[in-house]
Amino acid sequence: MTQSSSIEPGWKEATLEYLSRLPAKAWPTQQELVRRLSISERFYRQRLMLEGSSYKALKIEVRLNRAISLLRSGCYRSIGEVADEMEFCDEHSFRKTFKRWAGCSPSLFLIRPKPF
C-alpha cells in the first residue's frame, strides 16, 4: 500500500449536503455545527481550508445553487418571488447579491443559453 499525501476529502461535501437539506433560516452557526459534531472549531476550519473552502463560502454556494434552481424551475412569476423564497429582505438585495455571486443579474442569467 502506498501512502497518500493528500488530505482525505469529505468535510466540504458533507457540509454542503447537510446545509442543502435545511432551509437557510435553520442553518446552524459554525460554532453550533462543531458542537453537534463534537469536534473543535479549529479542526473543522482547518479541514475546510485544506479542501479550499470555509463555512461561509459553503453557505454562499448552497444559497446560490438554490437561487439558480428556483430561477430555472420556472415556478415563480417574478425575481421578487424568488427573493422572497430565498428569504432576502427585498428584491433589490437579492439582485445585488446574485450579481456578486454569479457575475450577472438574475434576469440575464435566465436568458443566457444553458451549457450542454
PDB file of N, CA and C in Angstrom:
ATOM      1  N   MET A   1       0.819  -1.176   0.000  1.00  0.00           N
ATOM      2  CA  MET A   1       0.000   0.000   0.000  1.00  0.00           C
ATOM      3  C   MET A   1       0.870   1.249   0.000  1.00  0.00           C
ATOM      4  N   THR A   2       0.527   2.198  -0.839  1.00  0.00           N
ATOM      5  CA  THR A   2       1.299   3.439  -0.871  1.00  0.00           C
ATOM      6  C   THR A   2       0.643   4.471   0.028  1.00  0.00           C
ATOM      7  N   GLN A   3       1.471   5.284   0.594  1.00  0.00           N
ATOM      8  CA  GLN A   3       0.960   6.334   1.468  1.00  0.00           C
ATOM      9  C   GLN A   3       0.602   7.549   0.623  1.00  0.00           C
ATOM     10  N   SER A   4      -0.574   8.073   0.852  1.00  0.00           N
ATOM     11  CA  SER A   4      -1.045   9.234   0.090  1.00  0.00           C
ATOM     12  C   SER A   4      -0.788  10.503   0.882  1.00  0.00           C
ATOM     13  N   SER A   5      -0.332  11.536   0.180  1.00  0.00           N
ATOM     14  CA  SER A   5      -0.066  12.799   0.858  1.00  0.00           C
ATOM     15  C   SER A   5      -1.277  13.733   0.820  1.00  0.00           C
ATOM     16  N   SER A   6      -2.304  13.328   0.109  1.00  0.00           N
ATOM     17  CA  SER A   6      -3.479  14.207   0.022  1.00  0.00           C
ATOM     18  C   SER A   6      -4.347  14.043   1.266  1.00  0.00           C
ATOM     19  N   ILE A   7      -5.068  15.075   1.546  1.00  0.00           N
ATOM     20  CA  ILE A   7      -5.959  15.074   2.701  1.00  0.00           C
ATOM     21  C   ILE A   7      -7.213  14.303   2.312  1.00  0.00           C
ATOM     22  N   GLU A   8      -7.788  13.555   3.208  1.00  0.00           N
ATOM     23  CA  GLU A   8      -8.991  12.824   2.852  1.00  0.00           C
ATOM     24  C   GLU A   8     -10.148  13.793   2.651  1.00  0.00           C
ATOM     25  N   PRO A   9     -10.847  13.651   1.523  1.00  0.00           N
ATOM     26  CA  PRO A   9     -11.950  14.566   1.247  1.00  0.00           C
ATOM     27  C   PRO A   9     -13.146  14.252   2.129  1.00  0.00           C
ATOM     28  N   GLY A  10     -14.052  15.161   2.200  1.00  0.00           N
ATOM     29  CA  GLY A  10     -15.273  14.835   2.890  1.00  0.00           C
ATOM     30  C   GLY A  10     -15.926  15.936   3.693  1.00  0.00           C
ATOM     31  N   TRP A  11     -15.164  16.774   4.363  1.00  0.00           N
ATOM     32  CA  TRP A  11     -15.770  17.806   5.205  1.00  0.00           C
ATOM     33  C   TRP A  11     -16.577  18.795   4.375  1.00  0.00           C
ATOM     34  N   LYS A  12     -16.019  19.214   3.265  1.00  0.00           N
ATOM     35  CA  LYS A  12     -16.713  20.166   2.398  1.00  0.00           C
ATOM     36  C   LYS A  12     -17.998  19.557   1.848  1.00  0.00           C
ATOM     37  N   GLU A  13     -17.887  18.371   1.275  1.00  0.00           N
ATOM     38  CA  GLU A  13     -19.055  17.717   0.674  1.00  0.00           C
ATOM     39  C   GLU A  13     -20.122  17.404   1.718  1.00  0.00           C
ATOM     40  N   ALA A  14     -19.700  16.942   2.883  1.00  0.00           N
ATOM     41  CA  ALA A  14     -20.662  16.636   3.948  1.00  0.00           C
ATOM     42  C   ALA A  14     -21.390  17.894   4.407  1.00  0.00           C
ATOM     43  N   THR A  15     -20.659  18.983   4.517  1.00  0.00           N
ATOM     44  CA  THR A  15     -21.273  20.244   4.931  1.00  0.00           C
ATOM     45  C   THR A  15     -22.246  20.736   3.869  1.00  0.00           C
ATOM     46  N   LEU A  16     -21.855  20.673   2.597  1.00  0.00           N
ATOM     47  CA  LEU A  16     -22.754  21.090   1.508  1.00  0.00           C
ATOM     48  C   LEU A  16     -24.040  20.265   1.530  1.00  0.00           C
ATOM     49  N   GLU A  17     -23.900  18.967   1.696  1.00  0.00           N
ATOM     50  CA  GLU A  17     -25.069  18.086   1.719  1.00  0.00           C
ATOM     51  C   GLU A  17     -25.969  18.411   2.913  1.00  0.00           C
ATOM     52  N   TYR A  18     -25.363  18.614   4.068  1.00  0.00           N
ATOM     53  CA  TYR A  18     -26.127  18.925   5.276  1.00  0.00           C
ATOM     54  C   TYR A  18     -26.900  20.235   5.114  1.00  0.00           C
ATOM     55  N   LEU A  19     -26.212  21.279   4.664  1.00  0.00           N
ATOM     56  CA  LEU A  19     -26.863  22.582   4.501  1.00  0.00           C
ATOM     57  C   LEU A  19     -27.961  22.531   3.448  1.00  0.00           C
ATOM     58  N   SER A  20     -27.747  21.744   2.377  1.00  0.00           N
ATOM     59  CA  SER A  20     -28.761  21.722   1.319  1.00  0.00           C
ATOM     60  C   SER A  20     -30.058  21.052   1.760  1.00  0.00           C
ATOM     61  N   ARG A  21     -29.993  20.276   2.822  1.00  0.00           N
ATOM     62  CA  ARG A  21     -31.210  19.624   3.313  1.00  0.00           C
ATOM     63  C   ARG A  21     -32.035  20.513   4.247  1.00  0.00           C
ATOM     64  N   LEU A  22     -31.464  21.638   4.649  1.00  0.00           N
ATOM     65  CA  LEU A  22     -32.152  22.523   5.603  1.00  0.00           C
ATOM     66  C   LEU A  22     -32.544  23.843   4.957  1.00  0.00           C
ATOM     67  N   PRO A  23     -33.644  24.445   5.425  1.00  0.00           N
ATOM     68  CA  PRO A  23     -33.922  25.811   4.977  1.00  0.00           C
ATOM     69  C   PRO A  23     -32.852  26.732   5.556  1.00  0.00           C
ATOM     70  N   ALA A  24     -32.525  27.792   4.847  1.00  0.00           N
ATOM     71  CA  ALA A  24     -31.437  28.690   5.266  1.00  0.00           C
ATOM     72  C   ALA A  24     -31.635  29.222   6.684  1.00  0.00           C
ATOM     73  N   LYS A  25     -32.866  29.481   7.064  1.00  0.00           N
ATOM     74  CA  LYS A  25     -33.096  30.028   8.405  1.00  0.00           C
ATOM     75  C   LYS A  25     -32.803  29.007   9.508  1.00  0.00           C
ATOM     76  N   ALA A  26     -32.690  27.738   9.153  1.00  0.00           N
ATOM     77  CA  ALA A  26     -32.392  26.693  10.143  1.00  0.00           C
ATOM     78  C   ALA A  26     -30.910  26.314  10.179  1.00  0.00           C
ATOM     79  N   TRP A  27     -30.091  26.964   9.338  1.00  0.00           N
ATOM     80  CA  TRP A  27     -28.673  26.626   9.327  1.00  0.00           C
ATOM     81  C   TRP A  27     -28.030  26.982  10.663  1.00  0.00           C
ATOM     82  N   PRO A  28     -27.247  26.064  11.200  1.00  0.00           N
ATOM     83  CA  PRO A  28     -26.550  26.380  12.446  1.00  0.00           C
ATOM     84  C   PRO A  28     -25.369  27.307  12.167  1.00  0.00           C
ATOM     85  N   THR A  29     -24.949  28.023  13.185  1.00  0.00           N
ATOM     86  CA  THR A  29     -23.701  28.767  13.065  1.00  0.00           C
ATOM     87  C   THR A  29     -22.577  27.741  13.036  1.00  0.00           C
ATOM     88  N   GLN A  30     -21.403  28.177  12.677  1.00  0.00           N
ATOM     89  CA  GLN A  30     -20.267  27.261  12.662  1.00  0.00           C
ATOM     90  C   GLN A  30     -20.038  26.692  14.067  1.00  0.00           C
ATOM     91  N   GLN A  31     -20.172  27.528  15.083  1.00  0.00           N
ATOM     92  CA  GLN A  31     -19.980  27.079  16.460  1.00  0.00           C
ATOM     93  C   GLN A  31     -21.007  26.006  16.842  1.00  0.00           C
ATOM     94  N   GLU A  32     -22.263  26.206  16.447  1.00  0.00           N
ATOM     95  CA  GLU A  32     -23.300  25.211  16.740  1.00  0.00           C
ATOM     96  C   GLU A  32     -23.023  23.903  16.004  1.00  0.00           C
ATOM     97  N   LEU A  33     -22.581  24.012  14.762  1.00  0.00           N
ATOM     98  CA  LEU A  33     -22.304  22.821  13.968  1.00  0.00           C
ATOM     99  C   LEU A  33     -21.188  21.988  14.582  1.00  0.00           C
ATOM    100  N   VAL A  34     -20.076  22.617  14.941  1.00  0.00           N
ATOM    101  CA  VAL A  34     -18.959  21.842  15.505  1.00  0.00           C
ATOM    102  C   VAL A  34     -19.328  21.257  16.867  1.00  0.00           C
ATOM    103  N   ARG A  35     -20.173  21.957  17.611  1.00  0.00           N
ATOM    104  CA  ARG A  35     -20.648  21.417  18.895  1.00  0.00           C
ATOM    105  C   ARG A  35     -21.453  20.146  18.643  1.00  0.00           C
ATOM    106  N   ARG A  36     -22.330  20.169  17.624  1.00  0.00           N
ATOM    107  CA  ARG A  36     -23.133  18.985  17.275  1.00  0.00           C
ATOM    108  C   ARG A  36     -22.249  17.828  16.824  1.00  0.00           C
ATOM    109  N   LEU A  37     -21.147  18.162  16.146  1.00  0.00           N
ATOM    110  CA  LEU A  37     -20.232  17.135  15.638  1.00  0.00           C
ATOM    111  C   LEU A  37     -19.220  16.678  16.684  1.00  0.00           C
ATOM    112  N   SER A  38     -19.191  17.363  17.803  1.00  0.00           N
ATOM    113  CA  SER A  38     -18.237  17.078  18.888  1.00  0.00           C
ATOM    114  C   SER A  38     -16.790  17.171  18.402  1.00  0.00           C
ATOM    115  N   ILE A  39     -16.505  18.216  17.647  1.00  0.00           N
ATOM    116  CA  ILE A  39     -15.141  18.479  17.196  1.00  0.00           C
ATOM    117  C   ILE A  39     -14.822  19.934  17.515  1.00  0.00           C
ATOM    118  N   SER A  40     -13.546  20.278  17.446  1.00  0.00           N
ATOM    119  CA  SER A  40     -13.185  21.665  17.720  1.00  0.00           C
ATOM    120  C   SER A  40     -13.414  22.511  16.471  1.00  0.00           C
ATOM    121  N   GLU A  41     -13.688  23.778  16.723  1.00  0.00           N
ATOM    122  CA  GLU A  41     -13.891  24.712  15.614  1.00  0.00           C
ATOM    123  C   GLU A  41     -12.613  24.847  14.796  1.00  0.00           C
ATOM    124  N   ARG A  42     -11.488  24.838  15.456  1.00  0.00           N
ATOM    125  CA  ARG A  42     -10.200  24.963  14.761  1.00  0.00           C
ATOM    126  C   ARG A  42      -9.977  23.785  13.811  1.00  0.00           C
ATOM    127  N   PHE A  43     -10.265  22.573  14.299  1.00  0.00           N
ATOM    128  CA  PHE A  43     -10.115  21.374  13.474  1.00  0.00           C
ATOM    129  C   PHE A  43     -10.997  21.479  12.229  1.00  0.00           C
ATOM    130  N   TYR A  44     -12.265  21.870  12.432  1.00  0.00           N
ATOM    131  CA  TYR A  44     -13.206  21.982  11.320  1.00  0.00           C
ATOM    132  C   TYR A  44     -12.749  23.029  10.311  1.00  0.00           C
ATOM    133  N   ARG A  45     -12.363  24.207  10.813  1.00  0.00           N
ATOM    134  CA  ARG A  45     -11.874  25.275   9.923  1.00  0.00           C
ATOM    135  C   ARG A  45     -10.668  24.807   9.122  1.00  0.00           C
ATOM    136  N   GLN A  46      -9.737  24.131   9.796  1.00  0.00           N
ATOM    137  CA  GLN A  46      -8.535  23.651   9.096  1.00  0.00           C
ATOM    138  C   GLN A  46      -8.882  22.628   8.026  1.00  0.00           C
ATOM    139  N   ARG A  47      -9.786  21.711   8.310  1.00  0.00           N
ATOM    140  CA  ARG A  47     -10.179  20.702   7.321  1.00  0.00           C
ATOM    141  C   ARG A  47     -10.815  21.358   6.100  1.00  0.00           C
ATOM    142  N   LEU A  48     -11.696  22.314   6.347  1.00  0.00           N
ATOM    143  CA  LEU A  48     -12.310  23.013   5.215  1.00  0.00           C
ATOM    144  C   LEU A  48     -11.267  23.798   4.438  1.00  0.00           C
ATOM    145  N   MET A  49     -10.338  24.423   5.151  1.00  0.00           N
ATOM    146  CA  MET A  49      -9.292  25.194   4.491  1.00  0.00           C
ATOM    147  C   MET A  49      -8.430  24.278   3.606  1.00  0.00           C
ATOM    148  N   LEU A  50      -8.133  23.090   4.085  1.00  0.00           N
ATOM    149  CA  LEU A  50      -7.347  22.140   3.292  1.00  0.00           C
ATOM    150  C   LEU A  50      -8.098  21.704   2.027  1.00  0.00           C
ATOM    151  N   GLU A  51      -9.416  21.754   2.094  1.00  0.00           N
ATOM    152  CA  GLU A  51     -10.237  21.425   0.924  1.00  0.00           C
ATOM    153  C   GLU A  51     -10.564  22.673   0.110  1.00  0.00           C
ATOM    154  N   GLY A  52      -9.962  23.815   0.494  1.00  0.00           N
ATOM    155  CA  GLY A  52     -10.115  25.045  -0.275  1.00  0.00           C
ATOM    156  C   GLY A  52     -11.408  25.782  -0.036  1.00  0.00           C
ATOM    157  N   SER A  53     -11.946  25.680   1.171  1.00  0.00           N
ATOM    158  CA  SER A  53     -13.218  26.333   1.425  1.00  0.00           C
ATOM    159  C   SER A  53     -13.306  26.864   2.847  1.00  0.00           C
ATOM    160  N   SER A  54     -14.484  27.389   3.167  1.00  0.00           N
ATOM    161  CA  SER A  54     -14.800  27.857   4.516  1.00  0.00           C
ATOM    162  C   SER A  54     -16.300  27.655   4.713  1.00  0.00           C
ATOM    163  N   TYR A  55     -16.730  27.695   5.953  1.00  0.00           N
ATOM    164  CA  TYR A  55     -18.158  27.519   6.238  1.00  0.00           C
ATOM    165  C   TYR A  55     -18.973  28.619   5.558  1.00  0.00           C
ATOM    166  N   LYS A  56     -18.480  29.843   5.626  1.00  0.00           N
ATOM    167  CA  LYS A  56     -19.176  30.966   4.989  1.00  0.00           C
ATOM    168  C   LYS A  56     -19.296  30.745   3.481  1.00  0.00           C
ATOM    169  N   ALA A  57     -18.224  30.315   2.845  1.00  0.00           N
ATOM    170  CA  ALA A  57     -18.240  30.075   1.400  1.00  0.00           C
ATOM    171  C   ALA A  57     -19.209  28.953   1.037  1.00  0.00           C
ATOM    172  N   LEU A  58     -19.294  27.932   1.891  1.00  0.00           N
ATOM    173  CA  LEU A  58     -20.208  26.820   1.615  1.00  0.00           C
ATOM    174  C   LEU A  58     -21.664  27.264   1.738  1.00  0.00           C
ATOM    175  N   LYS A  59     -21.952  28.120   2.710  1.00  0.00           N
ATOM    176  CA  LYS A  59     -23.313  28.644   2.829  1.00  0.00           C
ATOM    177  C   LYS A  59     -23.679  29.466   1.599  1.00  0.00           C
ATOM    178  N   ILE A  60     -22.749  30.257   1.112  1.00  0.00           N
ATOM    179  CA  ILE A  60     -22.990  31.048  -0.103  1.00  0.00           C
ATOM    180  C   ILE A  60     -23.229  30.127  -1.289  1.00  0.00           C
ATOM    181  N   GLU A  61     -22.429  29.079  -1.400  1.00  0.00           N
ATOM    182  CA  GLU A  61     -22.581  28.131  -2.517  1.00  0.00           C
ATOM    183  C   GLU A  61     -23.956  27.471  -2.510  1.00  0.00           C
ATOM    184  N   VAL A  62     -24.417  27.056  -1.339  1.00  0.00           N
ATOM    185  CA  VAL A  62     -25.735  26.416  -1.248  1.00  0.00           C
ATOM    186  C   VAL A  62     -26.834  27.416  -1.598  1.00  0.00           C
ATOM    187  N   ARG A  63     -26.716  28.633  -1.093  1.00  0.00           N
ATOM    188  CA  ARG A  63     -27.724  29.660  -1.408  1.00  0.00           C
ATOM    189  C   ARG A  63     -27.759  29.973  -2.901  1.00  0.00           C
ATOM    190  N   LEU A  64     -26.584  30.088  -3.521  1.00  0.00           N
ATOM    191  CA  LEU A  64     -26.536  30.366  -4.955  1.00  0.00           C
ATOM    192  C   LEU A  64     -27.144  29.211  -5.746  1.00  0.00           C
ATOM    193  N   ASN A  65     -26.795  27.988  -5.392  1.00  0.00           N
ATOM    194  CA  ASN A  65     -27.366  26.831  -6.093  1.00  0.00           C
ATOM    195  C   ASN A  65     -28.881  26.781  -5.951  1.00  0.00           C
ATOM    196  N   ARG A  66     -29.381  27.117  -4.765  1.00  0.00           N
ATOM    197  CA  ARG A  66     -30.834  27.171  -4.565  1.00  0.00           C
ATOM    198  C   ARG A  66     -31.461  28.249  -5.420  1.00  0.00           C
ATOM    199  N   ALA A  67     -30.842  29.410  -5.445  1.00  0.00           N
ATOM    200  CA  ALA A  67     -31.382  30.513  -6.245  1.00  0.00           C
ATOM    201  C   ALA A  67     -31.428  30.126  -7.718  1.00  0.00           C
ATOM    202  N   ILE A  68     -30.362  29.518  -8.204  1.00  0.00           N
ATOM    203  CA  ILE A  68     -30.311  29.085  -9.603  1.00  0.00           C
ATOM    204  C   ILE A  68     -31.401  28.057  -9.875  1.00  0.00           C
ATOM    205  N   SER A  69     -31.575  27.109  -8.976  1.00  0.00           N
ATOM    206  CA  SER A  69     -32.626  26.099  -9.138  1.00  0.00           C
ATOM    207  C   SER A  69     -34.009  26.735  -9.196  1.00  0.00           C
ATOM    208  N   LEU A  70     -34.243  27.662  -8.282  1.00  0.00           N
ATOM    209  CA  LEU A  70     -35.554  28.328  -8.263  1.00  0.00           C
ATOM    210  C   LEU A  70     -35.783  29.124  -9.540  1.00  0.00           C
ATOM    211  N   LEU A  71     -34.762  29.841  -9.984  1.00  0.00           N
ATOM    212  CA  LEU A  71     -34.898  30.638 -11.207  1.00  0.00           C
ATOM    213  C   LEU A  71     -35.164  29.744 -12.410  1.00  0.00           C
ATOM    214  N   ARG A  72     -34.431  28.648 -12.497  1.00  0.00           N
ATOM    215  CA  ARG A  72     -34.583  27.746 -13.649  1.00  0.00           C
ATOM    216  C   ARG A  72     -35.868  26.933 -13.604  1.00  0.00           C
ATOM    217  N   SER A  73     -36.429  26.760 -12.426  1.00  0.00           N
ATOM    218  CA  SER A  73     -37.621  25.914 -12.297  1.00  0.00           C
ATOM    219  C   SER A  73     -38.816  26.483 -13.057  1.00  0.00           C
ATOM    220  N   GLY A  74     -38.850  27.811 -13.216  1.00  0.00           N
ATOM    221  CA  GLY A  74     -39.973  28.435 -13.899  1.00  0.00           C
ATOM    222  C   GLY A  74     -41.242  28.468 -13.068  1.00  0.00           C
ATOM    223  N   CYS A  75     -41.159  28.064 -11.819  1.00  0.00           N
ATOM    224  CA  CYS A  75     -42.340  28.033 -10.948  1.00  0.00           C
ATOM    225  C   CYS A  75     -42.686  29.404 -10.376  1.00  0.00           C
ATOM    226  N   TYR A  76     -41.798  30.354 -10.543  1.00  0.00           N
ATOM    227  CA  TYR A  76     -42.002  31.675  -9.963  1.00  0.00           C
ATOM    228  C   TYR A  76     -42.295  32.676 -11.070  1.00  0.00           C
ATOM    229  N   ARG A  77     -43.237  33.575 -10.811  1.00  0.00           N
ATOM    230  CA  ARG A  77     -43.623  34.566 -11.815  1.00  0.00           C
ATOM    231  C   ARG A  77     -42.653  35.725 -11.884  1.00  0.00           C
ATOM    232  N   SER A  78     -41.887  35.944 -10.801  1.00  0.00           N
ATOM    233  CA  SER A  78     -41.001  37.101 -10.804  1.00  0.00           C
ATOM    234  C   SER A  78     -39.739  36.830  -9.986  1.00  0.00           C
ATOM    235  N   ILE A  79     -38.734  37.660 -10.217  1.00  0.00           N
ATOM    236  CA  ILE A  79     -37.493  37.600  -9.448  1.00  0.00           C
ATOM    237  C   ILE A  79     -37.805  37.917  -7.982  1.00  0.00           C
ATOM    238  N   GLY A  80     -38.775  38.799  -7.767  1.00  0.00           N
ATOM    239  CA  GLY A  80     -39.186  39.155  -6.411  1.00  0.00           C
ATOM    240  C   GLY A  80     -39.682  37.952  -5.625  1.00  0.00           C
ATOM    241  N   GLU A  81     -40.407  37.052  -6.289  1.00  0.00           N
ATOM    242  CA  GLU A  81     -40.886  35.838  -5.615  1.00  0.00           C
ATOM    243  C   GLU A  81     -39.720  34.939  -5.221  1.00  0.00           C
ATOM    244  N   VAL A  82     -38.718  34.865  -6.093  1.00  0.00           N
ATOM    245  CA  VAL A  82     -37.528  34.073  -5.768  1.00  0.00           C
ATOM    246  C   VAL A  82     -36.809  34.717  -4.580  1.00  0.00           C
ATOM    247  N   ALA A  83     -36.718  36.033  -4.585  1.00  0.00           N
ATOM    248  CA  ALA A  83     -36.087  36.753  -3.475  1.00  0.00           C
ATOM    249  C   ALA A  83     -36.810  36.448  -2.166  1.00  0.00           C
ATOM    250  N   ASP A  84     -38.140  36.439  -2.200  1.00  0.00           N
ATOM    251  CA  ASP A  84     -38.919  36.108  -1.002  1.00  0.00           C
ATOM    252  C   ASP A  84     -38.636  34.676  -0.551  1.00  0.00           C
ATOM    253  N   GLU A  85     -38.642  33.760  -1.493  1.00  0.00           N
ATOM    254  CA  GLU A  85     -38.385  32.351  -1.176  1.00  0.00           C
ATOM    255  C   GLU A  85     -36.994  32.158  -0.575  1.00  0.00           C
ATOM    256  N   MET A  86     -36.051  32.945  -1.053  1.00  0.00           N
ATOM    257  CA  MET A  86     -34.665  32.847  -0.560  1.00  0.00           C
ATOM    258  C   MET A  86     -34.473  33.643   0.736  1.00  0.00           C
ATOM    259  N   GLU A  87     -35.553  34.241   1.226  1.00  0.00           N
ATOM    260  CA  GLU A  87     -35.565  34.985   2.486  1.00  0.00           C
ATOM    261  C   GLU A  87     -34.669  36.228   2.476  1.00  0.00           C
ATOM    262  N   PHE A  88     -34.649  36.918   1.324  1.00  0.00           N
ATOM    263  CA  PHE A  88     -33.981  38.221   1.244  1.00  0.00           C
ATOM    264  C   PHE A  88     -34.981  39.267   1.701  1.00  0.00           C
ATOM    265  N   CYS A  89     -34.472  40.375   2.217  1.00  0.00           N
ATOM    266  CA  CYS A  89     -35.383  41.415   2.714  1.00  0.00           C
ATOM    267  C   CYS A  89     -36.142  42.083   1.579  1.00  0.00           C
ATOM    268  N   ASP A  90     -35.553  42.129   0.383  1.00  0.00           N
ATOM    269  CA  ASP A  90     -36.251  42.696  -0.763  1.00  0.00           C
ATOM    270  C   ASP A  90     -35.591  42.226  -2.056  1.00  0.00           C
ATOM    271  N   GLU A  91     -36.274  42.503  -3.165  1.00  0.00           N
ATOM    272  CA  GLU A  91     -35.788  42.074  -4.484  1.00  0.00           C
ATOM    273  C   GLU A  91     -34.460  42.732  -4.834  1.00  0.00           C
ATOM    274  N   HIS A  92     -34.300  43.997  -4.497  1.00  0.00           N
ATOM    275  CA  HIS A  92     -33.059  44.709  -4.802  1.00  0.00           C
ATOM    276  C   HIS A  92     -31.858  44.027  -4.145  1.00  0.00           C
ATOM    277  N   SER A  93     -31.998  43.643  -2.889  1.00  0.00           N
ATOM    278  CA  SER A  93     -30.905  42.962  -2.182  1.00  0.00           C
ATOM    279  C   SER A  93     -30.561  41.637  -2.852  1.00  0.00           C
ATOM    280  N   PHE A  94     -31.598  40.913  -3.254  1.00  0.00           N
ATOM    281  CA  PHE A  94     -31.373  39.637  -3.927  1.00  0.00           C
ATOM    282  C   PHE A  94     -30.635  39.845  -5.247  1.00  0.00           C
ATOM    283  N   ARG A  95     -31.097  40.802  -6.053  1.00  0.00           N
ATOM    284  CA  ARG A  95     -30.453  41.060  -7.347  1.00  0.00           C
ATOM    285  C   ARG A  95     -28.984  41.435  -7.163  1.00  0.00           C
ATOM    286  N   LYS A  96     -28.715  42.296  -6.208  1.00  0.00           N
ATOM    287  CA  LYS A  96     -27.350  42.746  -5.943  1.00  0.00           C
ATOM    288  C   LYS A  96     -26.459  41.572  -5.498  1.00  0.00           C
ATOM    289  N   THR A  97     -26.981  40.761  -4.597  1.00  0.00           N
ATOM    290  CA  THR A  97     -26.224  39.610  -4.099  1.00  0.00           C
ATOM    291  C   THR A  97     -26.031  38.577  -5.201  1.00  0.00           C
ATOM    292  N   PHE A  98     -27.080  38.315  -5.976  1.00  0.00           N
ATOM    293  CA  PHE A  98     -26.981  37.338  -7.063  1.00  0.00           C
ATOM    294  C   PHE A  98     -25.916  37.772  -8.061  1.00  0.00           C
ATOM    295  N   LYS A  99     -25.902  39.054  -8.390  1.00  0.00           N
ATOM    296  CA  LYS A  99     -24.920  39.566  -9.346  1.00  0.00           C
ATOM    297  C   LYS A  99     -23.500  39.382  -8.814  1.00  0.00           C
ATOM    298  N   ARG A 100     -23.314  39.601  -7.516  1.00  0.00           N
ATOM    299  CA  ARG A 100     -21.989  39.402  -6.909  1.00  0.00           C
ATOM    300  C   ARG A 100     -21.603  37.922  -6.962  1.00  0.00           C
ATOM    301  N   TRP A 101     -22.556  37.019  -6.702  1.00  0.00           N
ATOM    302  CA  TRP A 101     -22.291  35.580  -6.715  1.00  0.00           C
ATOM    303  C   TRP A 101     -22.030  35.056  -8.121  1.00  0.00           C
ATOM    304  N   ALA A 102     -22.954  35.375  -9.024  1.00  0.00           N
ATOM    305  CA  ALA A 102     -22.966  34.737 -10.345  1.00  0.00           C
ATOM    306  C   ALA A 102     -22.301  35.564 -11.435  1.00  0.00           C
ATOM    307  N   GLY A 103     -22.021  36.830 -11.160  1.00  0.00           N
ATOM    308  CA  GLY A 103     -21.377  37.667 -12.160  1.00  0.00           C
ATOM    309  C   GLY A 103     -22.329  38.313 -13.141  1.00  0.00           C
ATOM    310  N   CYS A 104     -23.624  38.104 -12.942  1.00  0.00           N
ATOM    311  CA  CYS A 104     -24.634  38.747 -13.787  1.00  0.00           C
ATOM    312  C   CYS A 104     -25.940  38.816 -13.010  1.00  0.00           C
ATOM    313  N   SER A 105     -26.853  39.607 -13.500  1.00  0.00           N
ATOM    314  CA  SER A 105     -28.150  39.740 -12.824  1.00  0.00           C
ATOM    315  C   SER A 105     -28.967  38.461 -13.001  1.00  0.00           C
ATOM    316  N   PRO A 106     -29.964  38.233 -12.131  1.00  0.00           N
ATOM    317  CA  PRO A 106     -30.820  37.055 -12.304  1.00  0.00           C
ATOM    318  C   PRO A 106     -31.527  37.047 -13.659  1.00  0.00           C
ATOM    319  N   SER A 107     -31.950  38.217 -14.120  1.00  0.00           N
ATOM    320  CA  SER A 107     -32.639  38.293 -15.421  1.00  0.00           C
ATOM    321  C   SER A 107     -31.726  37.867 -16.554  1.00  0.00           C
ATOM    322  N   LEU A 108     -30.506  38.373 -16.554  1.00  0.00           N
ATOM    323  CA  LEU A 108     -29.544  38.000 -17.589  1.00  0.00           C
ATOM    324  C   LEU A 108     -29.198  36.522 -17.488  1.00  0.00           C
ATOM    325  N   PHE A 109     -29.079  36.021 -16.286  1.00  0.00           N
ATOM    326  CA  PHE A 109     -28.793  34.600 -16.086  1.00  0.00           C
ATOM    327  C   PHE A 109     -29.866  33.737 -16.758  1.00  0.00           C
ATOM    328  N   LEU A 110     -31.121  34.160 -16.626  1.00  0.00           N
ATOM    329  CA  LEU A 110     -32.227  33.376 -17.190  1.00  0.00           C
ATOM    330  C   LEU A 110     -32.242  33.367 -18.711  1.00  0.00           C
ATOM    331  N   ILE A 111     -31.764  34.447 -19.349  1.00  0.00           N
ATOM    332  CA  ILE A 111     -31.831  34.482 -20.809  1.00  0.00           C
ATOM    333  C   ILE A 111     -30.561  33.958 -21.485  1.00  0.00           C
ATOM    334  N   ARG A 112     -29.520  33.722 -20.698  1.00  0.00           N
ATOM    335  CA  ARG A 112     -28.299  33.143 -21.278  1.00  0.00           C
ATOM    336  C   ARG A 112     -28.569  31.732 -21.753  1.00  0.00           C
ATOM    337  N   PRO A 113     -27.927  31.326 -22.847  1.00  0.00           N
ATOM    338  CA  PRO A 113     -28.072  29.928 -23.268  1.00  0.00           C
ATOM    339  C   PRO A 113     -27.440  29.008 -22.224  1.00  0.00           C
ATOM    340  N   LYS A 114     -28.120  27.913 -21.957  1.00  0.00           N
ATOM    341  CA  LYS A 114     -27.610  26.947 -20.985  1.00  0.00           C
ATOM    342  C   LYS A 114     -26.543  26.072 -21.631  1.00  0.00           C
ATOM    343  N   PRO A 115     -25.451  25.771 -20.898  1.00  0.00           N
ATOM    344  CA  PRO A 115     -24.421  24.888 -21.466  1.00  0.00           C
ATOM    345  C   PRO A 115     -24.967  23.473 -21.648  1.00  0.00           C
ATOM    346  N   PHE A 116     -24.412  22.774 -22.587  1.00  0.00           N
ATOM    347  CA  PHE A 116     -24.863  21.400 -22.877  1.00  0.00           C
ATOM    348  C   PHE A 116     -24.439  20.441 -21.828  1.00  0.00           C
TER     349      PHE A 116
END
